[in-house]
Protein backbone atom coordinates (compact mmCIF):
# COMPACT_ATOMS: atom_id res chain seq x y z
CA MET A 1 -0.02 -0.03 -0.05
CA ARG A 2 1.47 3.30 -1.10
CA GLY A 3 -0.76 5.52 1.13
CA GLN A 4 -1.80 8.84 0.58
CA THR A 5 0.45 11.66 -0.53
CA VAL A 6 0.80 15.03 1.29
CA ASN A 7 1.18 18.56 -0.12
CA ASN A 8 4.82 18.89 0.06
CA ASP A 9 4.60 22.82 -0.16
CA ASP A 10 2.99 22.88 3.39
CA PHE A 11 6.40 21.92 5.04
CA PRO A 12 9.63 23.66 5.72
CA GLY A 13 12.36 23.42 3.09
CA PRO A 14 14.20 20.28 4.44
CA ILE A 15 11.13 18.30 4.79
CA ARG A 16 9.78 19.48 1.55
CA HIS A 17 12.98 18.47 -0.01
CA PHE A 18 13.02 15.02 1.73
CA LEU A 19 9.25 14.40 1.09
CA THR A 20 9.79 15.03 -2.79
CA ARG A 21 12.66 12.57 -2.86
CA LEU A 22 10.77 9.94 -0.92
CA ASP A 23 7.84 10.26 -3.17
CA GLU A 24 10.19 9.70 -6.06
CA LEU A 25 11.51 6.58 -4.41
CA ARG A 26 8.16 5.33 -3.69
CA SER A 27 6.75 5.93 -7.20
CA GLY A 28 9.45 3.64 -8.72
CA SER A 29 8.75 0.08 -9.68
CA THR A 30 10.75 -1.51 -6.86
CA PHE A 31 10.74 0.08 -3.42
CA ASN A 32 14.40 0.07 -2.13
CA MET A 33 14.65 0.49 1.59
CA GLY A 34 18.45 1.09 1.42
CA ARG A 35 17.81 4.12 -0.54
CA VAL A 36 15.05 5.30 1.94
CA GLY A 37 17.48 4.78 4.76
CA ARG A 38 20.35 6.93 3.08
CA LEU A 39 17.70 9.60 2.43
CA LEU A 40 16.77 9.73 6.01
CA VAL A 41 20.37 9.80 7.15
CA GLU A 42 20.85 12.88 4.83
CA LEU A 43 18.02 14.55 6.77
CA ALA A 44 19.29 13.48 10.11
CA ALA A 45 22.62 15.32 9.26
CA ASP A 46 20.74 18.82 8.97
CA GLU A 47 21.66 20.35 12.09
CA GLU A 48 20.53 23.78 11.09
CA TYR A 49 17.10 22.45 10.79
CA LEU A 50 17.00 19.84 13.45
CA GLY A 51 19.02 21.55 16.21
CA PRO A 52 16.35 23.94 17.27
CA LEU A 53 13.70 21.06 17.28
CA VAL A 54 16.09 18.99 19.39
CA ALA A 55 16.57 21.64 21.87
CA GLU A 56 12.77 21.81 22.43
CA LEU A 57 12.60 18.25 23.57
CA PRO A 58 12.94 17.78 27.34
CA SER A 59 16.17 15.79 27.74
CA GLU A 60 14.72 14.10 31.03
CA SER A 61 11.81 12.23 29.48
CA ALA A 62 10.68 10.29 26.32
CA GLY A 63 8.90 12.28 23.87
CA GLY A 64 8.74 13.58 20.17
CA THR A 65 7.71 16.01 17.70
CA TRP A 66 5.82 14.89 14.58
CA LEU A 67 7.34 16.40 11.46
CA VAL A 68 4.96 14.71 8.89
CA LYS A 69 1.70 13.16 10.23
CA PRO A 70 -0.86 12.44 7.35
CA GLU A 71 -4.05 10.31 8.08
CA ARG A 72 -2.26 7.56 6.22
CA GLY A 73 0.99 7.13 4.48
CA PRO A 74 4.43 7.73 5.32
CA ARG A 75 5.00 9.96 8.69
CA LEU A 76 8.29 11.06 10.25
CA VAL A 77 8.67 11.84 13.94
CA LEU A 78 11.85 13.33 15.85
CA PHE A 79 12.03 11.15 19.19
CA HIS A 80 14.12 11.36 22.16
CA ARG A 81 14.53 8.63 24.77
CA PRO A 82 16.37 9.51 27.90
CA GLU A 83 19.13 7.78 29.55
CA GLY A 84 18.60 4.03 30.11
CA VAL A 85 15.01 4.01 28.39
CA MET A 86 14.47 1.30 25.78
CA ALA A 87 11.17 0.67 24.05
CA TYR A 88 9.23 -2.55 24.42
CA THR A 89 9.97 -5.10 21.77
CA HIS A 90 7.44 -4.64 19.16
CA SER A 91 6.22 -4.92 15.37
CA HIS A 92 4.91 -2.34 13.22
CA HIS A 93 3.36 -4.24 10.30
CA CYS A 94 4.68 -1.31 8.15
CA TRP A 95 8.13 -0.55 6.97
CA VAL A 96 10.16 1.59 9.25
CA ALA A 97 13.67 3.52 9.14
CA ILE A 98 15.46 4.99 12.33
CA ALA A 99 18.46 7.14 11.97
CA PRO A 100 20.04 9.10 14.93
CA VAL A 101 20.40 12.98 14.99
CA ARG A 102 22.33 13.04 18.15
CA GLY A 103 23.65 10.57 20.76
CA VAL A 104 23.50 6.83 20.53
CA GLU A 105 20.50 4.96 19.59
CA THR A 106 20.66 1.13 20.60
CA HIS A 107 18.63 -0.85 17.99
CA GLN A 108 17.87 -4.41 18.54
CA ARG A 109 16.25 -6.74 15.90
CA TRP A 110 14.59 -10.07 16.98
CA ASP A 111 13.60 -12.99 15.34
CA ALA A 112 10.24 -14.47 16.88
CA VAL A 113 8.17 -17.58 16.78
CA ARG A 114 4.88 -17.00 18.64
CA HIS A 115 2.77 -19.64 20.24
CA GLU A 116 -0.92 -19.35 20.77
CA ASP A 117 -0.52 -19.68 24.64
CA GLY A 118 1.16 -16.42 24.73
CA GLN A 119 4.65 -17.76 24.88
CA ALA A 120 7.48 -16.95 22.33
CA GLU A 121 10.76 -18.12 21.15
CA LEU A 122 12.90 -14.89 20.85
CA ARG A 123 16.32 -14.82 19.49
CA LEU A 124 18.45 -11.36 19.23
CA ALA A 125 19.28 -11.35 15.44
CA ASP A 126 21.11 -7.96 15.63
CA GLU A 127 22.16 -5.32 17.93
CA ARG A 128 23.80 -2.00 16.90
CA ALA A 129 24.83 1.13 18.80
CA MET A 130 23.92 3.70 16.18
CA THR A 131 25.32 7.24 15.91
CA ARG A 132 24.67 10.06 13.14
CA GLY A 133 25.33 8.50 9.87
CA ASP A 134 23.79 5.10 10.80
CA VAL A 135 20.39 3.91 10.02
CA ALA A 136 18.21 0.75 10.77
CA THR A 137 15.48 -0.27 8.21
CA LEU A 138 12.85 -2.95 8.58
CA THR A 139 9.98 -4.47 6.59
CA PRO A 140 7.44 -6.93 7.81
CA PRO A 141 7.56 -9.58 8.79
CA GLY A 142 11.09 -8.87 9.89
CA ASP A 143 10.15 -5.75 11.82
CA ILE A 144 10.23 -6.91 15.36
CA HIS A 145 12.64 -4.72 17.20
CA ASN A 146 13.22 -2.31 20.05
CA HIS A 147 15.36 0.79 20.30
CA GLY A 148 16.49 3.60 22.79
CA HIS A 149 19.43 4.07 25.12
CA VAL A 150 21.66 1.69 26.82
CA VAL A 151 23.38 3.11 30.00
CA GLY A 152 27.02 3.63 29.26
CA SER A 153 26.74 3.71 25.48
CA GLY A 154 26.93 7.40 25.03
CA PRO A 155 24.64 10.34 25.20
CA SER A 156 20.96 9.49 24.93
CA PRO A 157 19.49 9.59 21.44
CA TYR A 158 17.38 11.96 19.55
CA SER A 159 16.37 10.19 16.34
CA LEU A 160 14.20 10.35 13.16
CA ILE A 161 11.72 7.58 12.92
CA LEU A 162 10.15 7.23 9.46
CA LEU A 163 7.16 4.92 9.18
CA GLY A 164 5.48 3.76 6.01
CA ASP A 165 2.19 4.21 7.42
CA ASP A 166 0.18 4.72 10.57
CA MET A 167 1.09 1.58 12.63
CA TYR A 168 -1.84 1.92 14.75
CA ALA A 169 -4.13 1.16 11.99
CA PHE A 170 -2.70 -2.51 12.32
CA GLU A 171 -2.97 -5.35 14.60
CA ARG A 172 0.56 -5.60 15.93
CA GLU A 173 2.52 -7.51 18.47
CA GLU A 174 4.58 -6.55 21.61
CA TYR A 175 7.01 -9.05 23.30
CA ASP A 176 8.87 -9.47 26.26
CA PRO A 177 12.16 -11.44 25.64
CA ALA A 178 13.07 -11.63 29.29
CA GLN A 179 9.93 -13.49 30.01
CA GLY A 180 9.50 -15.14 26.48
CA THR A 181 6.26 -13.96 25.97
CA TRP A 182 4.02 -11.96 23.47
CA ARG A 183 0.73 -10.26 23.23
CA ASN A 184 -1.44 -9.00 20.49
CA LEU A 185 -2.09 -5.16 20.21
CA ALA A 186 -5.28 -4.11 18.76
CA PRO A 187 -5.37 -1.47 16.28
CA GLY A 188 -5.09 1.91 17.92
CA ASP A 189 -3.22 0.38 21.15
CA PRO A 190 0.20 1.95 21.26
CA GLY A 191 1.42 -0.71 23.68
CA ARG A 192 3.81 0.09 26.57
CA SER A 193 5.99 2.99 25.68
CA HIS A 194 9.22 1.99 27.43
CA ARG A 195 10.94 -0.43 29.69
């Protein structure tokens, strides 16, 4: 599903440029997440545009600022997780790309086998400490991940998160690797925000 397009003229220059290029990538015959990731890394390097937005986010709590948020289709948020705060392990059921603007974003990708009784076999498939210039891209069904900050890894992260659609429109899953469990998230359920 390609989603709706937004009027790019309604956005500041850096976002307008980013959306125009993203639309070009999405309109091609094959959708290349590597190119989407590189495009997001370019935007994450724009300190002149993103620096003042980072400064507005409180450093002591998790939170973000939506930069693009149409009803459906790709959306972009600048998000901060404070020191030691990781998201719960979750799926999106849409493609996603994450690129740090500042700090160190720890990203973990998981392989999971779900059982009907709520148990899950989880295996950490990849773990990376990402800094500016790095990107993680995921597509379903390989979109089970968590991300945030690990104490001692460096400064807490401010990252761009690009979603292919409104993830809350889908039934998704949330996992607890420590307990080996999973649960369904009904459409609209954001799940637990951090652990």
